[in-house]
Amino acid sequence: MAQTLVPVGGLVMENKIKDLRKAANWTQADLAGRLNVSRQTIVAIEKGKYDPSLPLAFQIARIFDLKIEELFLFQG
């Protein structure tokens, strides 16, 4: 599974959102609607240009039935 890398204070944060979304056969708009955010927000998170707020990160993890640390991984 490819993961998006996001630098965070010297650490790198990876996320699996794009792969999980595709595995669920959802478009970016589908996921955005489930989260009540814009499609552009999903695009930015998937591309690593935006770090979701903690509440949004928990919502995303809940939708995919994962722990937040399984969805967002830190390296560094």
PDB file of N, CA and C in Angstrom:
ATOM      1  N   MET A   1       0.832  -1.179   0.000  1.00  0.00           N
ATOM      2  CA  MET A   1       0.000   0.000   0.000  1.00  0.00           C
ATOM      3  C   MET A   1       0.880   1.247   0.000  1.00  0.00           C
ATOM      4  N   ALA A   2       0.666   2.139  -0.925  1.00  0.00           N
ATOM      5  CA  ALA A   2       1.408   3.399  -0.949  1.00  0.00           C
ATOM      6  C   ALA A   2       0.875   4.298   0.159  1.00  0.00           C
ATOM      7  N   GLN A   3       1.760   5.073   0.735  1.00  0.00           N
ATOM      8  CA  GLN A   3       1.358   5.956   1.820  1.00  0.00           C
ATOM      9  C   GLN A   3       1.843   7.362   1.531  1.00  0.00           C
ATOM     10  N   THR A   4       1.071   8.329   1.983  1.00  0.00           N
ATOM     11  CA  THR A   4       1.429   9.727   1.813  1.00  0.00           C
ATOM     12  C   THR A   4       2.320  10.141   2.976  1.00  0.00           C
ATOM     13  N   LEU A   5       3.406  10.874   2.686  1.00  0.00           N
ATOM     14  CA  LEU A   5       4.330  11.341   3.716  1.00  0.00           C
ATOM     15  C   LEU A   5       4.116  12.816   3.967  1.00  0.00           C
ATOM     16  N   VAL A   6       3.969  13.178   5.237  1.00  0.00           N
ATOM     17  CA  VAL A   6       3.769  14.565   5.630  1.00  0.00           C
ATOM     18  C   VAL A   6       4.801  14.910   6.691  1.00  0.00           C
ATOM     19  N   PRO A   7       5.718  15.879   6.445  1.00  0.00           N
ATOM     20  CA  PRO A   7       6.667  16.258   7.489  1.00  0.00           C
ATOM     21  C   PRO A   7       5.971  17.003   8.619  1.00  0.00           C
ATOM     22  N   VAL A   8       6.251  16.602   9.857  1.00  0.00           N
ATOM     23  CA  VAL A   8       5.645  17.225  11.033  1.00  0.00           C
ATOM     24  C   VAL A   8       6.743  17.462  12.057  1.00  0.00           C
ATOM     25  N   GLY A   9       7.176  18.693  12.218  1.00  0.00           N
ATOM     26  CA  GLY A   9       8.171  19.030  13.231  1.00  0.00           C
ATOM     27  C   GLY A   9       9.392  18.134  13.225  1.00  0.00           C
ATOM     28  N   GLY A  10       9.955  17.862  12.057  1.00  0.00           N
ATOM     29  CA  GLY A  10      11.127  17.007  11.967  1.00  0.00           C
ATOM     30  C   GLY A  10      10.786  15.527  11.841  1.00  0.00           C
ATOM     31  N   LEU A  11       9.548  15.183  12.090  1.00  0.00           N
ATOM     32  CA  LEU A  11       9.082  13.810  11.921  1.00  0.00           C
ATOM     33  C   LEU A  11       8.334  13.710  10.597  1.00  0.00           C
ATOM     34  N   VAL A  12       8.165  12.513  10.126  1.00  0.00           N
ATOM     35  CA  VAL A  12       7.382  12.294   8.913  1.00  0.00           C
ATOM     36  C   VAL A  12       6.122  11.542   9.308  1.00  0.00           C
ATOM     37  N   MET A  13       4.965  12.084   8.911  1.00  0.00           N
ATOM     38  CA  MET A  13       3.703  11.424   9.176  1.00  0.00           C
ATOM     39  C   MET A  13       3.199  10.816   7.882  1.00  0.00           C
ATOM     40  N   GLU A  14       2.917   9.530   7.909  1.00  0.00           N
ATOM     41  CA  GLU A  14       2.359   8.833   6.761  1.00  0.00           C
ATOM     42  C   GLU A  14       0.873   8.638   6.994  1.00  0.00           C
ATOM     43  N   ASN A  15       0.100   8.597   5.911  1.00  0.00           N
ATOM     44  CA  ASN A  15      -1.302   8.212   6.055  1.00  0.00           C
ATOM     45  C   ASN A  15      -1.691   7.280   4.920  1.00  0.00           C
ATOM     46  N   LYS A  16      -2.678   6.457   5.190  1.00  0.00           N
ATOM     47  CA  LYS A  16      -3.128   5.436   4.246  1.00  0.00           C
ATOM     48  C   LYS A  16      -4.501   5.761   3.661  1.00  0.00           C
ATOM     49  N   ILE A  17      -4.905   6.999   3.746  1.00  0.00           N
ATOM     50  CA  ILE A  17      -6.275   7.368   3.396  1.00  0.00           C
ATOM     51  C   ILE A  17      -6.616   7.054   1.941  1.00  0.00           C
ATOM     52  N   LYS A  18      -5.753   7.415   1.030  1.00  0.00           N
ATOM     53  CA  LYS A  18      -6.049   7.194  -0.390  1.00  0.00           C
ATOM     54  C   LYS A  18      -6.246   5.711  -0.677  1.00  0.00           C
ATOM     55  N   ASP A  19      -5.356   4.874  -0.163  1.00  0.00           N
ATOM     56  CA  ASP A  19      -5.462   3.437  -0.411  1.00  0.00           C
ATOM     57  C   ASP A  19      -6.728   2.858   0.216  1.00  0.00           C
ATOM     58  N   LEU A  20      -7.046   3.286   1.418  1.00  0.00           N
ATOM     59  CA  LEU A  20      -8.242   2.788   2.094  1.00  0.00           C
ATOM     60  C   LEU A  20      -9.505   3.253   1.377  1.00  0.00           C
ATOM     61  N   ARG A  21      -9.497   4.496   0.931  1.00  0.00           N
ATOM     62  CA  ARG A  21     -10.644   5.031   0.205  1.00  0.00           C
ATOM     63  C   ARG A  21     -10.869   4.244  -1.080  1.00  0.00           C
ATOM     64  N   LYS A  22      -9.793   3.985  -1.811  1.00  0.00           N
ATOM     65  CA  LYS A  22      -9.917   3.233  -3.063  1.00  0.00           C
ATOM     66  C   LYS A  22     -10.367   1.799  -2.804  1.00  0.00           C
ATOM     67  N   ALA A  23      -9.852   1.189  -1.734  1.00  0.00           N
ATOM     68  CA  ALA A  23     -10.263  -0.180  -1.389  1.00  0.00           C
ATOM     69  C   ALA A  23     -11.753  -0.240  -1.054  1.00  0.00           C
ATOM     70  N   ALA A  24     -12.287   0.844  -0.506  1.00  0.00           N
ATOM     71  CA  ALA A  24     -13.712   0.919  -0.188  1.00  0.00           C
ATOM     72  C   ALA A  24     -14.536   1.292  -1.426  1.00  0.00           C
ATOM     73  N   ASN A  25     -13.837   1.544  -2.537  1.00  0.00           N
ATOM     74  CA  ASN A  25     -14.477   1.943  -3.791  1.00  0.00           C
ATOM     75  C   ASN A  25     -15.241   3.261  -3.652  1.00  0.00           C
ATOM     76  N   TRP A  26     -14.639   4.202  -2.916  1.00  0.00           N
ATOM     77  CA  TRP A  26     -15.217   5.523  -2.712  1.00  0.00           C
ATOM     78  C   TRP A  26     -14.412   6.547  -3.500  1.00  0.00           C
ATOM     79  N   THR A  27     -15.097   7.544  -4.003  1.00  0.00           N
ATOM     80  CA  THR A  27     -14.415   8.687  -4.603  1.00  0.00           C
ATOM     81  C   THR A  27     -13.995   9.641  -3.473  1.00  0.00           C
ATOM     82  N   GLN A  28     -13.195  10.613  -3.827  1.00  0.00           N
ATOM     83  CA  GLN A  28     -12.845  11.639  -2.843  1.00  0.00           C
ATOM     84  C   GLN A  28     -14.100  12.363  -2.373  1.00  0.00           C
ATOM     85  N   ALA A  29     -15.033  12.586  -3.285  1.00  0.00           N
ATOM     86  CA  ALA A  29     -16.288  13.252  -2.923  1.00  0.00           C
ATOM     87  C   ALA A  29     -17.119  12.387  -1.971  1.00  0.00           C
ATOM     88  N   ASP A  30     -17.113  11.072  -2.181  1.00  0.00           N
ATOM     89  CA  ASP A  30     -17.838  10.164  -1.275  1.00  0.00           C
ATOM     90  C   ASP A  30     -17.294  10.284   0.143  1.00  0.00           C
ATOM     91  N   LEU A  31     -15.971  10.209   0.272  1.00  0.00           N
ATOM     92  CA  LEU A  31     -15.357  10.296   1.597  1.00  0.00           C
ATOM     93  C   LEU A  31     -15.601  11.671   2.212  1.00  0.00           C
ATOM     94  N   ALA A  32     -15.464  12.705   1.409  1.00  0.00           N
ATOM     95  CA  ALA A  32     -15.707  14.066   1.904  1.00  0.00           C
ATOM     96  C   ALA A  32     -17.129  14.198   2.447  1.00  0.00           C
ATOM     97  N   GLY A  33     -18.099  13.648   1.739  1.00  0.00           N
ATOM     98  CA  GLY A  33     -19.482  13.706   2.190  1.00  0.00           C
ATOM     99  C   GLY A  33     -19.687  12.978   3.507  1.00  0.00           C
ATOM    100  N   ARG A  34     -19.041  11.846   3.674  1.00  0.00           N
ATOM    101  CA  ARG A  34     -19.155  11.079   4.918  1.00  0.00           C
ATOM    102  C   ARG A  34     -18.542  11.835   6.099  1.00  0.00           C
ATOM    103  N   LEU A  35     -17.546  12.673   5.790  1.00  0.00           N
ATOM    104  CA  LEU A  35     -16.842  13.425   6.840  1.00  0.00           C
ATOM    105  C   LEU A  35     -17.355  14.850   6.985  1.00  0.00           C
ATOM    106  N   ASN A  36     -18.245  15.259   6.088  1.00  0.00           N
ATOM    107  CA  ASN A  36     -18.772  16.620   6.093  1.00  0.00           C
ATOM    108  C   ASN A  36     -17.663  17.667   5.895  1.00  0.00           C
ATOM    109  N   VAL A  37     -16.759  17.363   4.959  1.00  0.00           N
ATOM    110  CA  VAL A  37     -15.697  18.292   4.568  1.00  0.00           C
ATOM    111  C   VAL A  37     -15.735  18.414   3.048  1.00  0.00           C
ATOM    112  N   SER A  38     -14.950  19.321   2.502  1.00  0.00           N
ATOM    113  CA  SER A  38     -14.909  19.477   1.047  1.00  0.00           C
ATOM    114  C   SER A  38     -14.033  18.394   0.412  1.00  0.00           C
ATOM    115  N   ARG A  39     -14.285  18.144  -0.859  1.00  0.00           N
ATOM    116  CA  ARG A  39     -13.440  17.208  -1.601  1.00  0.00           C
ATOM    117  C   ARG A  39     -11.997  17.708  -1.624  1.00  0.00           C
ATOM    118  N   GLN A  40     -11.834  19.037  -1.670  1.00  0.00           N
ATOM    119  CA  GLN A  40     -10.494  19.616  -1.691  1.00  0.00           C
ATOM    120  C   GLN A  40      -9.732  19.288  -0.404  1.00  0.00           C
ATOM    121  N   THR A  41     -10.439  19.179   0.711  1.00  0.00           N
ATOM    122  CA  THR A  41      -9.793  18.797   1.971  1.00  0.00           C
ATOM    123  C   THR A  41      -9.241  17.382   1.866  1.00  0.00           C
ATOM    124  N   ILE A  42     -10.015  16.477   1.286  1.00  0.00           N
ATOM    125  CA  ILE A  42      -9.555  15.092   1.113  1.00  0.00           C
ATOM    126  C   ILE A  42      -8.354  15.052   0.174  1.00  0.00           C
ATOM    127  N   VAL A  43      -8.414  15.808  -0.918  1.00  0.00           N
ATOM    128  CA  VAL A  43      -7.289  15.877  -1.854  1.00  0.00           C
ATOM    129  C   VAL A  43      -6.030  16.329  -1.116  1.00  0.00           C
ATOM    130  N   ALA A  44      -6.145  17.398  -0.333  1.00  0.00           N
ATOM    131  CA  ALA A  44      -4.989  17.954   0.370  1.00  0.00           C
ATOM    132  C   ALA A  44      -4.434  16.971   1.402  1.00  0.00           C
ATOM    133  N   ILE A  45      -5.294  16.270   2.115  1.00  0.00           N
ATOM    134  CA  ILE A  45      -4.828  15.281   3.101  1.00  0.00           C
ATOM    135  C   ILE A  45      -4.116  14.141   2.381  1.00  0.00           C
ATOM    136  N   GLU A  46      -4.721  13.634   1.319  1.00  0.00           N
ATOM    137  CA  GLU A  46      -4.114  12.528   0.576  1.00  0.00           C
ATOM    138  C   GLU A  46      -2.767  12.907  -0.023  1.00  0.00           C
ATOM    139  N   LYS A  47      -2.621  14.147  -0.454  1.00  0.00           N
ATOM    140  CA  LYS A  47      -1.359  14.597  -1.056  1.00  0.00           C
ATOM    141  C   LYS A  47      -0.337  15.048  -0.021  1.00  0.00           C
ATOM    142  N   GLY A  48      -0.733  15.057   1.256  1.00  0.00           N
ATOM    143  CA  GLY A  48       0.199  15.465   2.295  1.00  0.00           C
ATOM    144  C   GLY A  48       0.370  16.966   2.402  1.00  0.00           C
ATOM    145  N   LYS A  49      -0.542  17.733   1.848  1.00  0.00           N
ATOM    146  CA  LYS A  49      -0.449  19.190   1.910  1.00  0.00           C
ATOM    147  C   LYS A  49      -1.199  19.766   3.099  1.00  0.00           C
ATOM    148  N   TYR A  50      -1.956  18.926   3.794  1.00  0.00           N
ATOM    149  CA  TYR A  50      -2.773  19.383   4.921  1.00  0.00           C
ATOM    150  C   TYR A  50      -2.828  18.284   5.965  1.00  0.00           C
ATOM    151  N   ASP A  51      -2.567  18.645   7.206  1.00  0.00           N
ATOM    152  CA  ASP A  51      -2.726  17.716   8.327  1.00  0.00           C
ATOM    153  C   ASP A  51      -4.121  17.923   8.911  1.00  0.00           C
ATOM    154  N   PRO A  52      -4.915  16.861   8.991  1.00  0.00           N
ATOM    155  CA  PRO A  52      -6.260  17.038   9.548  1.00  0.00           C
ATOM    156  C   PRO A  52      -6.208  17.381  11.027  1.00  0.00           C
ATOM    157  N   SER A  53      -7.240  18.067  11.491  1.00  0.00           N
ATOM    158  CA  SER A  53      -7.359  18.324  12.927  1.00  0.00           C
ATOM    159  C   SER A  53      -7.500  16.984  13.639  1.00  0.00           C
ATOM    160  N   LEU A  54      -7.266  16.976  14.923  1.00  0.00           N
ATOM    161  CA  LEU A  54      -7.391  15.739  15.683  1.00  0.00           C
ATOM    162  C   LEU A  54      -8.810  15.164  15.610  1.00  0.00           C
ATOM    163  N   PRO A  55      -9.864  15.993  15.778  1.00  0.00           N
ATOM    164  CA  PRO A  55     -11.210  15.428  15.638  1.00  0.00           C
ATOM    165  C   PRO A  55     -11.462  14.827  14.249  1.00  0.00           C
ATOM    166  N   LEU A  56     -10.983  15.484  13.193  1.00  0.00           N
ATOM    167  CA  LEU A  56     -11.163  14.948  11.846  1.00  0.00           C
ATOM    168  C   LEU A  56     -10.367  13.658  11.673  1.00  0.00           C
ATOM    169  N   ALA A  57      -9.165  13.614  12.197  1.00  0.00           N
ATOM    170  CA  ALA A  57      -8.354  12.396  12.112  1.00  0.00           C
ATOM    171  C   ALA A  57      -9.069  11.228  12.788  1.00  0.00           C
ATOM    172  N   PHE A  58      -9.674  11.475  13.944  1.00  0.00           N
ATOM    173  CA  PHE A  58     -10.428  10.415  14.624  1.00  0.00           C
ATOM    174  C   PHE A  58     -11.646   9.996  13.802  1.00  0.00           C
ATOM    175  N   GLN A  59     -12.322  10.950  13.173  1.00  0.00           N
ATOM    176  CA  GLN A  59     -13.472  10.617  12.321  1.00  0.00           C
ATOM    177  C   GLN A  59     -13.046   9.721  11.165  1.00  0.00           C
ATOM    178  N   ILE A  60     -11.929  10.062  10.538  1.00  0.00           N
ATOM    179  CA  ILE A  60     -11.430   9.274   9.409  1.00  0.00           C
ATOM    180  C   ILE A  60     -11.100   7.860   9.873  1.00  0.00           C
ATOM    181  N   ALA A  61     -10.415   7.751  10.998  1.00  0.00           N
ATOM    182  CA  ALA A  61     -10.064   6.434  11.530  1.00  0.00           C
ATOM    183  C   ALA A  61     -11.324   5.623  11.826  1.00  0.00           C
ATOM    184  N   ARG A  62     -12.312   6.263  12.402  1.00  0.00           N
ATOM    185  CA  ARG A  62     -13.560   5.574  12.743  1.00  0.00           C
ATOM    186  C   ARG A  62     -14.263   5.060  11.487  1.00  0.00           C
ATOM    187  N   ILE A  63     -14.281   5.854  10.425  1.00  0.00           N
ATOM    188  CA  ILE A  63     -14.934   5.440   9.180  1.00  0.00           C
ATOM    189  C   ILE A  63     -14.295   4.177   8.612  1.00  0.00           C
ATOM    190  N   PHE A  64     -12.973   4.073   8.751  1.00  0.00           N
ATOM    191  CA  PHE A  64     -12.264   2.915   8.226  1.00  0.00           C
ATOM    192  C   PHE A  64     -12.073   1.818   9.278  1.00  0.00           C
ATOM    193  N   ASP A  65     -12.686   2.002  10.446  1.00  0.00           N
ATOM    194  CA  ASP A  65     -12.622   1.022  11.526  1.00  0.00           C
ATOM    195  C   ASP A  65     -11.174   0.703  11.914  1.00  0.00           C
ATOM    196  N   LEU A  66     -10.381   1.771  12.052  1.00  0.00           N
ATOM    197  CA  LEU A  66      -8.976   1.646  12.434  1.00  0.00           C
ATOM    198  C   LEU A  66      -8.705   2.495  13.663  1.00  0.00           C
ATOM    199  N   LYS A  67      -7.638   2.159  14.359  1.00  0.00           N
ATOM    200  CA  LYS A  67      -7.135   3.053  15.401  1.00  0.00           C
ATOM    201  C   LYS A  67      -6.417   4.186  14.680  1.00  0.00           C
ATOM    202  N   ILE A  68      -6.414   5.347  15.292  1.00  0.00           N
ATOM    203  CA  ILE A  68      -5.798   6.509  14.643  1.00  0.00           C
ATOM    204  C   ILE A  68      -4.319   6.255  14.327  1.00  0.00           C
ATOM    205  N   GLU A  69      -3.640   5.505  15.196  1.00  0.00           N
ATOM    206  CA  GLU A  69      -2.219   5.233  14.951  1.00  0.00           C
ATOM    207  C   GLU A  69      -2.005   4.211  13.832  1.00  0.00           C
ATOM    208  N   GLU A  70      -3.057   3.510  13.413  1.00  0.00           N
ATOM    209  CA  GLU A  70      -2.961   2.618  12.258  1.00  0.00           C
ATOM    210  C   GLU A  70      -3.162   3.394  10.955  1.00  0.00           C
ATOM    211  N   LEU A  71      -3.846   4.495  11.025  1.00  0.00           N
ATOM    212  CA  LEU A  71      -4.117   5.317   9.860  1.00  0.00           C
ATOM    213  C   LEU A  71      -3.019   6.348   9.637  1.00  0.00           C
ATOM    214  N   PHE A  72      -2.534   6.942  10.709  1.00  0.00           N
ATOM    215  CA  PHE A  72      -1.475   7.950  10.655  1.00  0.00           C
ATOM    216  C   PHE A  72      -0.269   7.408  11.412  1.00  0.00           C
ATOM    217  N   LEU A  73       0.836   7.223  10.705  1.00  0.00           N
ATOM    218  CA  LEU A  73       2.048   6.642  11.282  1.00  0.00           C
ATOM    219  C   LEU A  73       3.158   7.690  11.288  1.00  0.00           C
ATOM    220  N   PHE A  74       3.860   7.780  12.383  1.00  0.00           N
ATOM    221  CA  PHE A  74       4.990   8.724  12.484  1.00  0.00           C
ATOM    222  C   PHE A  74       6.308   7.991  12.351  1.00  0.00           C
ATOM    223  N   GLN A  75       7.234   8.587  11.605  1.00  0.00           N
ATOM    224  CA  GLN A  75       8.600   8.075  11.473  1.00  0.00           C
ATOM    225  C   GLN A  75       9.546   9.246  11.723  1.00  0.00           C
ATOM    226  N   GLY A  76      10.707   8.910  12.210  1.00  0.00           N
ATOM    227  CA  GLY A  76      11.665   9.996  12.370  1.00  0.00           C
ATOM    228  C   GLY A  76      12.517   9.915  13.504  1.00  0.00           C
TER     229      GLY A  76
END
